[in-house]
Amino acid sequence: MSTIKAMPRPPDIIVVGAGIVGCAVACELARRGAAVQIVDERTVGMGATQASAGILAPHIEITSPAAFLDLAVRSLNLFDDFIARTQADSGISVPYRRTGTLHVATSDEGMRELRSAAARLEAQHVIPGLLDDAQMVLAEEPCLSPDVVGGLVVPSHGFVAAGDLTSTIAVKTRDET
């Protein structure tokens, strides 16, 4: 006795790239009813997604063109809801934290650059923490070099387990297609 299997619906859309962006786009298209196929010669979440190490820190790009910085910051502002929705829809927990970043200076010139970055961040309505001396920086991170003279904390920055998030989205996309 042979079993007849239904052929899967041919894709309406083919997404090239199984990184975080490709998988997120494919997932949203599938959620909206499109039959989506993701194509990539690499394993899901490799390439640029893996290289990013899950760092969510757009404000380090403060000297980038305004349009790029605006896009990166708006994306970070959407991330909390994106993670919550992904976890709720999939039932899978994805490691994600807003731990902040610490940028350090080891010279007066480096400290001038951090002060300038802090002013640019404040103009973008980001409240950084300027640490004006070595003791303040070493209180944040005691294992730093004694050469440190100051630092800048950007509390809105964070990290996500990018591979876990991408795999979760890829599975969710498969389930919806």
N, C-alpha and C. Protein backbone atom coordinates (compact mmCIF):
# COMPACT_ATOMS: atom_id res chain seq x y z
N MET A 1 0.84 -1.16 0.00
CA MET A 1 0.00 0.00 0.00
C MET A 1 0.89 1.23 0.00
N SER A 2 0.64 2.14 -0.89
CA SER A 2 1.44 3.35 -0.95
C SER A 2 0.67 4.51 -0.34
N THR A 3 1.40 5.40 0.19
CA THR A 3 0.81 6.58 0.81
C THR A 3 1.06 7.77 -0.11
N ILE A 4 0.04 8.52 -0.32
CA ILE A 4 0.19 9.73 -1.14
C ILE A 4 0.39 10.90 -0.19
N LYS A 5 1.50 11.59 -0.40
CA LYS A 5 1.80 12.76 0.43
C LYS A 5 1.45 14.02 -0.36
N ALA A 6 0.85 14.94 0.32
CA ALA A 6 0.55 16.22 -0.32
C ALA A 6 1.86 16.95 -0.59
N MET A 7 1.96 17.48 -1.78
CA MET A 7 3.15 18.26 -2.12
C MET A 7 3.04 19.60 -1.40
N PRO A 8 4.14 20.04 -0.82
CA PRO A 8 4.07 21.36 -0.19
C PRO A 8 3.80 22.42 -1.25
N ARG A 9 3.12 23.43 -0.83
CA ARG A 9 2.81 24.53 -1.73
C ARG A 9 4.11 25.15 -2.24
N PRO A 10 4.22 25.44 -3.53
CA PRO A 10 5.44 26.09 -4.03
C PRO A 10 5.58 27.48 -3.40
N PRO A 11 6.80 27.91 -3.21
CA PRO A 11 6.97 29.20 -2.54
C PRO A 11 6.48 30.37 -3.38
N ASP A 12 5.88 31.32 -2.69
CA ASP A 12 5.54 32.60 -3.31
C ASP A 12 6.78 33.49 -3.33
N ILE A 13 7.59 33.31 -2.30
CA ILE A 13 8.76 34.17 -2.11
C ILE A 13 9.94 33.30 -1.68
N ILE A 14 11.10 33.57 -2.25
CA ILE A 14 12.33 32.91 -1.84
C ILE A 14 13.21 33.97 -1.18
N VAL A 15 13.61 33.70 0.04
CA VAL A 15 14.49 34.60 0.79
C VAL A 15 15.88 34.01 0.73
N VAL A 16 16.84 34.79 0.27
CA VAL A 16 18.23 34.34 0.20
C VAL A 16 18.94 34.82 1.45
N GLY A 17 19.37 33.88 2.26
CA GLY A 17 20.08 34.19 3.49
C GLY A 17 19.31 33.74 4.71
N ALA A 18 19.93 32.85 5.49
CA ALA A 18 19.30 32.31 6.69
C ALA A 18 19.90 32.89 7.96
N GLY A 19 20.27 34.17 7.88
CA GLY A 19 20.71 34.88 9.06
C GLY A 19 19.51 35.48 9.77
N ILE A 20 19.77 36.30 10.75
CA ILE A 20 18.68 36.88 11.53
C ILE A 20 17.75 37.72 10.67
N VAL A 21 18.28 38.49 9.74
CA VAL A 21 17.43 39.34 8.90
C VAL A 21 16.60 38.50 7.95
N GLY A 22 17.25 37.57 7.24
CA GLY A 22 16.52 36.72 6.30
C GLY A 22 15.43 35.91 7.00
N CYS A 23 15.76 35.33 8.14
CA CYS A 23 14.77 34.52 8.86
C CYS A 23 13.63 35.38 9.40
N ALA A 24 13.94 36.58 9.90
CA ALA A 24 12.89 37.46 10.43
C ALA A 24 11.97 37.92 9.30
N VAL A 25 12.54 38.26 8.14
CA VAL A 25 11.71 38.66 6.99
C VAL A 25 10.84 37.49 6.54
N ALA A 26 11.44 36.32 6.43
CA ALA A 26 10.68 35.13 6.01
C ALA A 26 9.56 34.82 6.99
N CYS A 27 9.84 34.93 8.27
CA CYS A 27 8.83 34.65 9.30
C CYS A 27 7.66 35.61 9.19
N GLU A 28 7.95 36.89 9.02
CA GLU A 28 6.88 37.87 8.90
C GLU A 28 6.06 37.63 7.64
N LEU A 29 6.72 37.30 6.52
CA LEU A 29 5.99 37.00 5.29
C LEU A 29 5.09 35.77 5.47
N ALA A 30 5.62 34.74 6.12
CA ALA A 30 4.82 33.53 6.37
C ALA A 30 3.65 33.84 7.29
N ARG A 31 3.88 34.68 8.30
CA ARG A 31 2.80 35.07 9.21
C ARG A 31 1.67 35.77 8.45
N ARG A 32 2.05 36.46 7.39
CA ARG A 32 1.06 37.17 6.58
C ARG A 32 0.46 36.31 5.47
N GLY A 33 0.82 35.01 5.46
CA GLY A 33 0.18 34.08 4.54
C GLY A 33 0.97 33.67 3.32
N ALA A 34 2.17 34.19 3.14
CA ALA A 34 2.98 33.81 1.98
C ALA A 34 3.65 32.46 2.22
N ALA A 35 3.80 31.68 1.16
CA ALA A 35 4.61 30.46 1.22
C ALA A 35 6.05 30.91 0.96
N VAL A 36 6.92 30.67 1.94
CA VAL A 36 8.28 31.20 1.89
C VAL A 36 9.28 30.06 1.94
N GLN A 37 10.33 30.21 1.15
CA GLN A 37 11.45 29.27 1.20
C GLN A 37 12.70 30.09 1.49
N ILE A 38 13.48 29.63 2.47
CA ILE A 38 14.75 30.28 2.80
C ILE A 38 15.86 29.47 2.16
N VAL A 39 16.76 30.15 1.46
CA VAL A 39 17.86 29.48 0.78
C VAL A 39 19.18 30.04 1.32
N ASP A 40 20.05 29.15 1.75
CA ASP A 40 21.38 29.55 2.20
C ASP A 40 22.25 28.31 2.22
N GLU A 41 23.47 28.42 1.74
CA GLU A 41 24.36 27.25 1.74
C GLU A 41 24.92 26.97 3.13
N ARG A 42 24.82 27.96 4.01
CA ARG A 42 25.32 27.79 5.37
C ARG A 42 24.20 27.38 6.31
N THR A 43 24.58 26.95 7.48
CA THR A 43 23.64 26.62 8.55
C THR A 43 22.92 27.88 9.00
N VAL A 44 21.69 27.74 9.44
CA VAL A 44 20.91 28.87 9.94
C VAL A 44 21.71 29.61 11.01
N GLY A 45 21.76 30.93 10.88
CA GLY A 45 22.39 31.77 11.89
C GLY A 45 23.88 31.93 11.76
N MET A 46 24.46 31.46 10.70
CA MET A 46 25.90 31.62 10.53
C MET A 46 26.15 32.92 9.76
N GLY A 47 27.35 33.13 9.30
CA GLY A 47 27.67 34.34 8.55
C GLY A 47 27.66 35.57 9.44
N ALA A 48 27.07 36.65 8.93
CA ALA A 48 27.08 37.93 9.67
C ALA A 48 26.37 37.82 11.01
N THR A 49 25.34 37.00 11.09
CA THR A 49 24.62 36.84 12.35
C THR A 49 25.55 36.30 13.42
N GLN A 50 26.32 35.28 13.08
CA GLN A 50 27.26 34.71 14.04
C GLN A 50 28.37 35.72 14.35
N ALA A 51 28.85 36.41 13.33
CA ALA A 51 29.94 37.36 13.52
C ALA A 51 29.54 38.51 14.44
N SER A 52 28.26 38.83 14.50
CA SER A 52 27.80 39.95 15.33
C SER A 52 27.91 39.64 16.81
N ALA A 53 28.00 38.37 17.15
CA ALA A 53 28.07 37.91 18.54
C ALA A 53 26.85 38.36 19.34
N GLY A 54 25.78 38.74 18.65
CA GLY A 54 24.56 39.14 19.33
C GLY A 54 24.62 40.50 20.00
N ILE A 55 25.62 41.28 19.66
CA ILE A 55 25.77 42.59 20.29
C ILE A 55 24.73 43.55 19.73
N LEU A 56 23.99 44.17 20.62
CA LEU A 56 22.96 45.15 20.25
C LEU A 56 23.42 46.50 20.77
N ALA A 57 24.21 47.21 19.98
CA ALA A 57 24.83 48.44 20.45
C ALA A 57 24.93 49.47 19.33
N PRO A 58 23.79 49.97 18.85
CA PRO A 58 23.85 50.90 17.73
C PRO A 58 24.51 52.23 18.06
N HIS A 59 24.51 52.63 19.32
CA HIS A 59 25.05 53.93 19.65
C HIS A 59 26.57 53.98 19.54
N ILE A 60 27.22 52.83 19.37
CA ILE A 60 28.66 52.88 19.10
C ILE A 60 28.91 53.38 17.68
N GLU A 61 27.85 53.43 16.88
CA GLU A 61 27.93 53.93 15.51
C GLU A 61 27.61 55.42 15.44
N ILE A 62 27.80 56.14 16.55
CA ILE A 62 27.38 57.53 16.65
C ILE A 62 28.00 58.41 15.57
N THR A 63 29.14 58.04 15.02
CA THR A 63 29.76 58.84 13.96
C THR A 63 29.33 58.41 12.57
N SER A 64 28.45 57.42 12.48
CA SER A 64 27.94 56.95 11.18
C SER A 64 26.98 57.99 10.60
N PRO A 65 26.67 57.85 9.31
CA PRO A 65 25.67 58.75 8.72
C PRO A 65 24.37 58.71 9.51
N ALA A 66 23.70 59.84 9.59
CA ALA A 66 22.50 59.98 10.42
C ALA A 66 21.42 58.97 10.05
N ALA A 67 21.23 58.71 8.77
CA ALA A 67 20.17 57.77 8.35
C ALA A 67 20.46 56.36 8.87
N PHE A 68 21.72 55.93 8.83
CA PHE A 68 22.08 54.61 9.33
C PHE A 68 21.88 54.54 10.83
N LEU A 69 22.36 55.55 11.53
CA LEU A 69 22.22 55.57 12.99
C LEU A 69 20.75 55.57 13.39
N ASP A 70 19.94 56.36 12.70
CA ASP A 70 18.51 56.42 13.00
C ASP A 70 17.86 55.05 12.83
N LEU A 71 18.19 54.37 11.74
CA LEU A 71 17.64 53.03 11.50
C LEU A 71 18.09 52.05 12.58
N ALA A 72 19.36 52.08 12.93
CA ALA A 72 19.89 51.16 13.95
C ALA A 72 19.25 51.41 15.31
N VAL A 73 19.07 52.67 15.68
CA VAL A 73 18.48 53.00 16.97
C VAL A 73 17.00 52.62 16.99
N ARG A 74 16.27 52.90 15.90
CA ARG A 74 14.86 52.51 15.84
C ARG A 74 14.73 50.99 15.94
N SER A 75 15.65 50.27 15.32
CA SER A 75 15.61 48.80 15.40
C SER A 75 15.82 48.33 16.83
N LEU A 76 16.78 48.91 17.53
CA LEU A 76 17.01 48.54 18.93
C LEU A 76 15.77 48.82 19.76
N ASN A 77 15.11 49.93 19.49
CA ASN A 77 13.91 50.28 20.26
C ASN A 77 12.76 49.30 20.03
N LEU A 78 12.78 48.58 18.93
CA LEU A 78 11.74 47.58 18.64
C LEU A 78 12.10 46.19 19.17
N PHE A 79 13.33 46.02 19.64
CA PHE A 79 13.83 44.69 19.97
C PHE A 79 13.13 44.04 21.15
N ASP A 80 12.79 44.80 22.18
CA ASP A 80 12.12 44.20 23.35
C ASP A 80 10.83 43.52 22.93
N ASP A 81 10.01 44.22 22.14
CA ASP A 81 8.74 43.64 21.68
C ASP A 81 8.97 42.47 20.73
N PHE A 82 9.98 42.58 19.87
CA PHE A 82 10.30 41.50 18.93
C PHE A 82 10.67 40.22 19.68
N ILE A 83 11.51 40.33 20.69
CA ILE A 83 11.91 39.16 21.48
C ILE A 83 10.70 38.59 22.21
N ALA A 84 9.92 39.45 22.85
CA ALA A 84 8.74 38.98 23.59
C ALA A 84 7.78 38.25 22.67
N ARG A 85 7.53 38.80 21.48
CA ARG A 85 6.60 38.17 20.54
C ARG A 85 7.16 36.84 20.03
N THR A 86 8.45 36.80 19.73
CA THR A 86 9.08 35.56 19.24
C THR A 86 8.99 34.47 20.30
N GLN A 87 9.28 34.82 21.55
CA GLN A 87 9.23 33.83 22.63
C GLN A 87 7.79 33.37 22.88
N ALA A 88 6.86 34.31 22.84
CA ALA A 88 5.45 33.95 23.07
C ALA A 88 4.93 33.05 21.96
N ASP A 89 5.25 33.38 20.72
CA ASP A 89 4.76 32.60 19.58
C ASP A 89 5.40 31.21 19.49
N SER A 90 6.67 31.11 19.89
CA SER A 90 7.39 29.84 19.73
C SER A 90 7.38 29.00 21.00
N GLY A 91 7.20 29.62 22.15
CA GLY A 91 7.32 28.91 23.42
C GLY A 91 8.76 28.62 23.79
N ILE A 92 9.69 29.22 23.08
CA ILE A 92 11.13 28.99 23.32
C ILE A 92 11.74 30.25 23.93
N SER A 93 12.47 30.08 25.01
CA SER A 93 13.16 31.19 25.66
C SER A 93 14.46 31.50 24.92
N VAL A 94 14.68 32.76 24.63
CA VAL A 94 15.90 33.20 23.95
C VAL A 94 16.66 34.13 24.89
N PRO A 95 17.91 33.81 25.23
CA PRO A 95 18.69 34.69 26.11
C PRO A 95 18.83 36.09 25.50
N TYR A 96 18.41 37.10 26.27
CA TYR A 96 18.42 38.49 25.83
C TYR A 96 18.50 39.38 27.05
N ARG A 97 19.41 40.32 27.04
CA ARG A 97 19.56 41.22 28.18
C ARG A 97 19.96 42.61 27.69
N ARG A 98 19.48 43.61 28.40
CA ARG A 98 19.93 44.99 28.19
C ARG A 98 20.92 45.29 29.32
N THR A 99 22.15 44.93 29.13
CA THR A 99 23.17 45.07 30.15
C THR A 99 23.97 46.35 30.03
N GLY A 100 23.85 47.04 28.91
CA GLY A 100 24.64 48.25 28.67
C GLY A 100 26.02 47.89 28.13
N THR A 101 26.70 48.92 27.66
CA THR A 101 28.09 48.75 27.22
C THR A 101 28.94 49.77 27.94
N LEU A 102 30.20 49.43 28.08
CA LEU A 102 31.17 50.32 28.71
C LEU A 102 32.28 50.57 27.70
N HIS A 103 32.48 51.83 27.36
CA HIS A 103 33.54 52.24 26.45
C HIS A 103 34.59 52.93 27.31
N VAL A 104 35.84 52.56 27.13
CA VAL A 104 36.88 53.11 28.01
C VAL A 104 37.89 53.94 27.23
N ALA A 105 38.49 54.85 27.95
CA ALA A 105 39.57 55.67 27.41
C ALA A 105 40.81 55.44 28.25
N THR A 106 41.94 55.41 27.56
CA THR A 106 43.23 55.25 28.25
C THR A 106 44.14 56.45 28.04
N SER A 107 43.56 57.54 27.52
CA SER A 107 44.34 58.75 27.29
C SER A 107 43.41 59.96 27.37
N ASP A 108 44.00 61.13 27.49
CA ASP A 108 43.20 62.34 27.50
C ASP A 108 42.46 62.50 26.17
N GLU A 109 43.11 62.17 25.07
CA GLU A 109 42.45 62.23 23.76
C GLU A 109 41.25 61.28 23.71
N GLY A 110 41.43 60.08 24.21
CA GLY A 110 40.33 59.12 24.26
C GLY A 110 39.17 59.63 25.11
N MET A 111 39.50 60.31 26.21
CA MET A 111 38.46 60.87 27.08
C MET A 111 37.72 61.99 26.38
N ARG A 112 38.44 62.83 25.59
CA ARG A 112 37.78 63.88 24.81
C ARG A 112 36.79 63.25 23.82
N GLU A 113 37.19 62.13 23.20
CA GLU A 113 36.30 61.44 22.26
C GLU A 113 35.06 60.91 22.97
N LEU A 114 35.23 60.37 24.18
CA LEU A 114 34.07 59.88 24.93
C LEU A 114 33.15 61.02 25.35
N ARG A 115 33.71 62.16 25.72
CA ARG A 115 32.87 63.33 26.06
C ARG A 115 32.07 63.78 24.84
N SER A 116 32.74 63.79 23.70
CA SER A 116 32.07 64.17 22.45
C SER A 116 30.96 63.18 22.12
N ALA A 117 31.24 61.89 22.27
CA ALA A 117 30.23 60.85 22.02
C ALA A 117 29.06 61.01 22.97
N ALA A 118 29.34 61.33 24.24
CA ALA A 118 28.28 61.52 25.22
C ALA A 118 27.38 62.69 24.81
N ALA A 119 27.96 63.77 24.33
CA ALA A 119 27.18 64.92 23.90
C ALA A 119 26.31 64.56 22.69
N ARG A 120 26.86 63.80 21.75
CA ARG A 120 26.08 63.38 20.57
C ARG A 120 24.94 62.44 21.00
N LEU A 121 25.22 61.56 21.95
CA LEU A 121 24.17 60.66 22.43
C LEU A 121 23.05 61.45 23.11
N GLU A 122 23.40 62.41 23.92
CA GLU A 122 22.39 63.23 24.59
C GLU A 122 21.54 63.97 23.56
N ALA A 123 22.15 64.41 22.46
CA ALA A 123 21.39 65.07 21.39
C ALA A 123 20.41 64.10 20.73
N GLN A 124 20.70 62.80 20.82
CA GLN A 124 19.82 61.76 20.29
C GLN A 124 18.84 61.26 21.37
N HIS A 125 18.79 61.94 22.51
CA HIS A 125 17.90 61.60 23.63
C HIS A 125 18.28 60.27 24.29
N VAL A 126 19.56 59.96 24.25
CA VAL A 126 20.10 58.80 24.96
C VAL A 126 20.87 59.35 26.15
N ILE A 127 20.61 58.79 27.32
CA ILE A 127 21.27 59.27 28.53
C ILE A 127 22.45 58.35 28.85
N PRO A 128 23.65 58.74 28.45
CA PRO A 128 24.83 57.93 28.78
C PRO A 128 25.34 58.26 30.18
N GLY A 129 26.18 57.42 30.68
CA GLY A 129 26.84 57.68 31.96
C GLY A 129 28.30 57.95 31.71
N LEU A 130 28.70 59.20 31.85
CA LEU A 130 30.10 59.56 31.66
C LEU A 130 30.84 59.33 32.96
N LEU A 131 31.86 58.51 32.92
CA LEU A 131 32.66 58.20 34.10
C LEU A 131 33.97 58.97 33.97
N ASP A 132 34.12 60.02 34.78
CA ASP A 132 35.22 60.98 34.60
C ASP A 132 36.57 60.55 35.17
N ASP A 133 36.61 59.44 35.87
CA ASP A 133 37.92 59.03 36.39
C ASP A 133 38.04 57.52 36.44
N ALA A 134 39.27 57.09 36.61
CA ALA A 134 39.59 55.66 36.59
C ALA A 134 38.85 54.88 37.66
N GLN A 135 38.71 55.45 38.85
CA GLN A 135 38.05 54.73 39.94
C GLN A 135 36.60 54.39 39.60
N MET A 136 35.92 55.33 38.96
CA MET A 136 34.53 55.09 38.58
C MET A 136 34.44 53.95 37.55
N VAL A 137 35.38 53.95 36.60
CA VAL A 137 35.38 52.91 35.56
C VAL A 137 35.72 51.56 36.18
N LEU A 138 36.72 51.54 37.05
CA LEU A 138 37.12 50.29 37.68
C LEU A 138 36.04 49.77 38.64
N ALA A 139 35.19 50.63 39.14
CA ALA A 139 34.06 50.18 39.95
C ALA A 139 33.06 49.43 39.07
N GLU A 140 32.92 49.86 37.81
CA GLU A 140 32.04 49.18 36.85
C GLU A 140 32.64 47.86 36.39
N GLU A 141 33.95 47.88 36.11
CA GLU A 141 34.64 46.69 35.59
C GLU A 141 36.03 46.62 36.20
N PRO A 142 36.16 45.88 37.32
CA PRO A 142 37.42 45.85 38.06
C PRO A 142 38.59 45.20 37.33
N CYS A 143 38.34 44.44 36.30
CA CYS A 143 39.42 43.72 35.62
C CYS A 143 40.07 44.51 34.48
N LEU A 144 39.72 45.78 34.34
CA LEU A 144 40.31 46.60 33.29
C LEU A 144 41.75 46.97 33.64
N SER A 145 42.46 47.39 32.63
CA SER A 145 43.84 47.84 32.78
C SER A 145 43.91 49.05 33.72
N PRO A 146 44.96 49.15 34.48
CA PRO A 146 45.12 50.34 35.31
C PRO A 146 45.38 51.59 34.48
N ASP A 147 45.58 51.44 33.18
CA ASP A 147 45.81 52.58 32.29
C ASP A 147 44.53 53.35 31.97
N VAL A 148 43.38 52.83 32.37
CA VAL A 148 42.10 53.47 32.05
C VAL A 148 42.01 54.81 32.77
N VAL A 149 41.48 55.83 32.06
CA VAL A 149 41.34 57.16 32.66
C VAL A 149 39.88 57.60 32.77
N GLY A 150 38.99 56.93 32.06
CA GLY A 150 37.58 57.29 32.11
C GLY A 150 36.78 56.35 31.24
N GLY A 151 35.46 56.56 31.24
CA GLY A 151 34.62 55.67 30.45
C GLY A 151 33.26 56.27 30.15
N LEU A 152 32.53 55.56 29.33
CA LEU A 152 31.19 55.97 28.94
C LEU A 152 30.31 54.72 28.96
N VAL A 153 29.22 54.79 29.74
CA VAL A 153 28.27 53.69 29.82
C VAL A 153 27.05 54.06 28.98
N VAL A 154 26.65 53.13 28.11
CA VAL A 154 25.41 53.30 27.34
C VAL A 154 24.46 52.21 27.81
N PRO A 155 23.56 52.55 28.75
CA PRO A 155 22.73 51.54 29.41
C PRO A 155 21.71 50.85 28.52
N SER A 156 21.33 51.44 27.40
CA SER A 156 20.30 50.82 26.54
C SER A 156 20.85 49.69 25.68
N HIS A 157 22.15 49.56 25.60
CA HIS A 157 22.75 48.49 24.80
C HIS A 157 22.56 47.13 25.47
N GLY A 158 22.72 46.07 24.69
CA GLY A 158 22.56 44.74 25.25
C GLY A 158 23.08 43.66 24.32
N PHE A 159 22.59 42.46 24.54
CA PHE A 159 22.98 41.32 23.71
C PHE A 159 21.83 40.33 23.63
N VAL A 160 21.87 39.53 22.58
CA VAL A 160 20.92 38.44 22.38
C VAL A 160 21.73 37.24 21.91
N ALA A 161 21.27 36.06 22.28
CA ALA A 161 21.88 34.83 21.75
C ALA A 161 21.41 34.74 20.29
N ALA A 162 22.18 35.33 19.40
CA ALA A 162 21.76 35.50 18.00
C ALA A 162 21.47 34.16 17.31
N GLY A 163 22.29 33.17 17.57
CA GLY A 163 22.05 31.85 16.97
C GLY A 163 20.75 31.23 17.45
N ASP A 164 20.49 31.33 18.75
CA ASP A 164 19.24 30.80 19.31
C ASP A 164 18.03 31.53 18.74
N LEU A 165 18.13 32.85 18.66
CA LEU A 165 17.01 33.65 18.14
C LEU A 165 16.76 33.29 16.68
N THR A 166 17.81 33.20 15.88
CA THR A 166 17.65 32.89 14.46
C THR A 166 17.06 31.50 14.27
N SER A 167 17.53 30.52 15.01
CA SER A 167 16.99 29.17 14.91
C SER A 167 15.52 29.13 15.31
N THR A 168 15.16 29.87 16.36
CA THR A 168 13.76 29.92 16.81
C THR A 168 12.88 30.52 15.72
N ILE A 169 13.34 31.58 15.10
CA ILE A 169 12.56 32.22 14.03
C ILE A 169 12.46 31.30 12.82
N ALA A 170 13.55 30.60 12.49
CA ALA A 170 13.53 29.67 11.34
C ALA A 170 12.53 28.55 11.56
N VAL A 171 12.49 27.99 12.76
CA VAL A 171 11.54 26.92 13.08
C VAL A 171 10.12 27.46 13.00
N LYS A 172 9.90 28.64 13.55
CA LYS A 172 8.57 29.27 13.51
C LYS A 172 8.14 29.50 12.07
N THR A 173 9.06 29.91 11.22
CA THR A 173 8.76 30.15 9.80
C THR A 173 8.36 28.85 9.12
N ARG A 174 9.10 27.78 9.39
CA ARG A 174 8.77 26.47 8.82
C ARG A 174 7.38 26.03 9.24
N ASP A 175 7.05 26.28 10.50
CA ASP A 175 5.75 25.87 11.02
C ASP A 175 4.60 26.65 10.35
N GLU A 176 4.87 27.90 9.97
CA GLU A 176 3.82 28.72 9.39
C GLU A 176 3.68 28.55 7.88
N THR A 177 4.71 27.99 7.24
CA THR A 177 4.65 27.84 5.78
C THR A 177 3.99 26.55 5.40
